[in-house]
Amino acid sequence: MARNTKVVSSLPRKTKFNILSGIFILFIIISILVSINPIVSIISKKNKIAELESNLNDIRNQNIELLALEKSLYDENFIKQEGLKQFGIADSDTKVLYKVNEVDKLKLDTELSNTLTNDEQLVYSNNNLWENLKLLYYKEIKK
């Protein structure tokens, strides 16, 4: 008599179960690794948003300060002060006080402008750029 046996598989049931459970665990590990990347990306983007909001608040505070400064620029007293400081313009009833250094500078400028009438005395030097620029201003531009 011939044996009536069917060979379904050459591996026993325990080995099949171990292989399937290993594949399932490997699938879970791969799924976890793939899902970690978007989570890390979301966390880094939230940190970036918090940093940008902080920068935005700082810039808004600076903007508010600049708007307050701009409003103060329209004050009449401030306009008079700026006119005096930048252009030397003052009201007739305003007393103007100068620092000693500024008075000396004004005297020096007037003396230099007086000496500039004599073109032979003016000589550009090789190592004094600012003096050369002052001479150029009084000699060429101011005339």
Protein backbone atom coordinates (compact mmCIF):
# COMPACT_ATOMS: atom_id res chain seq x y z
CA MET A 1 0.00 0.00 0.00
CA ALA A 2 1.10 3.37 -0.79
CA ARG A 3 1.10 6.00 1.74
CA ASN A 4 -1.61 8.57 1.32
CA THR A 5 0.18 11.46 2.87
CA LYS A 6 0.26 14.98 1.58
CA VAL A 7 3.29 17.15 2.14
CA VAL A 8 2.00 20.63 2.86
CA SER A 9 5.20 22.23 3.96
CA SER A 10 8.63 21.18 4.87
CA LEU A 11 8.82 23.57 7.88
CA PRO A 12 7.20 22.77 11.16
CA ARG A 13 4.49 24.99 12.64
CA LYS A 14 6.69 26.48 15.34
CA THR A 15 9.27 27.66 12.79
CA LYS A 16 6.53 29.22 10.63
CA PHE A 17 5.16 31.05 13.66
CA ASN A 18 8.62 32.38 14.58
CA ILE A 19 9.23 33.63 11.03
CA LEU A 20 5.84 35.37 10.85
CA SER A 21 6.28 36.97 14.27
CA GLY A 22 9.79 38.18 13.25
CA ILE A 23 8.43 39.73 10.04
CA PHE A 24 5.61 41.40 12.03
CA ILE A 25 8.06 42.83 14.58
CA LEU A 26 10.33 44.04 11.75
CA PHE A 27 7.32 45.75 10.10
CA ILE A 28 6.44 47.49 13.38
CA ILE A 29 10.04 48.70 13.85
CA ILE A 30 10.17 50.07 10.28
CA SER A 31 6.80 51.80 10.79
CA ILE A 32 8.03 53.42 14.00
CA LEU A 33 11.24 54.62 12.33
CA VAL A 34 9.31 56.06 9.38
CA SER A 35 6.83 57.85 11.66
CA ILE A 36 9.59 59.41 13.83
CA ASN A 37 10.86 61.64 11.00
CA PRO A 38 7.61 63.66 10.64
CA ILE A 39 7.36 63.99 14.42
CA VAL A 40 10.89 65.37 14.62
CA SER A 41 10.10 67.69 11.72
CA ILE A 42 6.95 68.97 13.44
CA ILE A 43 8.84 69.61 16.69
CA SER A 44 11.62 71.50 14.90
CA LYS A 45 9.06 73.58 12.98
CA LYS A 46 7.25 74.43 16.23
CA ASN A 47 10.55 75.59 17.71
CA LYS A 48 11.22 77.68 14.60
CA ILE A 49 7.72 79.21 14.83
CA ALA A 50 8.31 80.10 18.49
CA GLU A 51 11.63 81.74 17.59
CA LEU A 52 10.06 83.69 14.72
CA GLU A 53 7.20 84.84 16.94
CA SER A 54 9.74 86.07 19.47
CA ASN A 55 11.58 87.98 16.73
CA LEU A 56 8.26 89.40 15.52
CA ASN A 57 7.41 90.63 19.02
CA ASP A 58 10.84 92.28 19.32
CA ILE A 59 10.42 93.98 15.96
CA ARG A 60 6.90 95.12 16.91
CA ASN A 61 8.27 96.63 20.12
CA GLN A 62 10.96 98.44 18.13
CA ASN A 63 8.30 99.62 15.71
CA ILE A 64 6.24 101.01 18.59
CA GLU A 65 9.30 102.82 19.96
CA LEU A 66 10.06 104.28 16.53
CA LEU A 67 6.46 105.43 16.13
CA ALA A 68 6.64 107.14 19.51
CA LEU A 69 9.90 108.78 18.47
CA GLU A 70 8.34 109.89 15.18
CA LYS A 71 5.39 111.44 17.04
CA SER A 72 7.82 113.29 19.30
CA LEU A 73 9.59 114.65 16.23
CA TYR A 74 6.52 116.73 15.41
CA ASP A 75 6.72 118.52 18.75
CA GLU A 76 7.63 122.17 18.18
CA ASN A 77 10.31 122.24 20.89
CA PHE A 78 11.96 119.17 19.40
CA ILE A 79 11.95 120.76 15.93
CA LYS A 80 13.67 123.84 17.37
CA GLN A 81 16.28 121.66 19.10
CA GLU A 82 16.99 119.67 15.93
CA GLY A 83 17.21 122.85 13.86
CA LEU A 84 19.75 124.26 16.30
CA LYS A 85 21.71 121.02 16.50
CA GLN A 86 21.86 120.24 12.79
CA PHE A 87 21.68 123.60 11.05
CA GLY A 88 22.55 126.19 13.70
CA ILE A 89 19.10 127.78 13.37
CA ALA A 90 17.55 129.26 16.51
CA ASP A 91 14.81 131.72 17.45
CA SER A 92 15.76 135.29 18.17
CA ASP A 93 14.86 134.91 21.86
CA THR A 94 16.78 131.65 22.29
CA LYS A 95 20.21 131.75 23.88
CA VAL A 96 22.70 129.50 22.16
CA LEU A 97 25.50 127.95 24.18
CA TYR A 98 28.37 126.26 22.41
CA LYS A 99 30.93 123.93 23.79
CA VAL A 100 34.51 125.14 23.86
CA ASN A 101 35.54 122.60 21.26
CA GLU A 102 32.86 123.80 18.86
CA VAL A 103 33.89 127.43 19.32
CA ASP A 104 37.51 126.49 18.68
CA LYS A 105 36.42 124.59 15.60
CA LEU A 106 34.46 127.61 14.33
CA LYS A 107 37.49 129.84 14.91
CA LEU A 108 39.72 127.34 13.13
CA ASP A 109 37.32 127.16 10.19
CA THR A 110 37.17 130.95 9.89
CA GLU A 111 40.97 131.20 10.13
CA LEU A 112 41.35 128.52 7.50
CA SER A 113 38.86 130.22 5.21
CA ASN A 114 40.79 133.50 5.68
CA THR A 115 44.10 131.85 4.84
CA LEU A 116 42.63 130.17 1.79
CA THR A 117 42.72 133.43 -0.11
CA ASN A 118 46.43 132.81 -0.46
CA ASP A 119 46.65 129.80 -2.82
CA GLU A 120 50.43 129.48 -2.52
CA GLN A 121 50.21 128.55 1.18
CA LEU A 122 47.91 125.56 0.60
CA VAL A 123 49.78 122.37 -0.03
CA TYR A 124 48.26 118.93 0.09
CA SER A 125 50.15 116.48 2.24
CA ASN A 126 50.63 112.81 1.49
CA ASN A 127 49.69 111.47 4.91
CA ASN A 128 46.80 113.66 6.13
CA LEU A 129 43.63 112.70 4.28
CA TRP A 130 41.16 114.69 6.39
CA GLU A 131 43.20 117.87 6.19
CA ASN A 132 43.44 117.39 2.42
CA LEU A 133 39.65 117.01 2.23
CA LYS A 134 39.19 120.18 4.27
CA LEU A 135 41.55 122.05 1.98
CA LEU A 136 39.73 120.69 -1.07
CA TYR A 137 36.41 121.83 0.38
CA TYR A 138 37.53 125.35 1.11
CA LYS A 139 39.64 125.70 -2.01
CA GLU A 140 37.43 124.16 -4.67
CA ILE A 141 33.91 123.53 -3.47
CA LYS A 142 33.17 126.51 -1.26
CA LYS A 143 34.32 129.04 -3.83
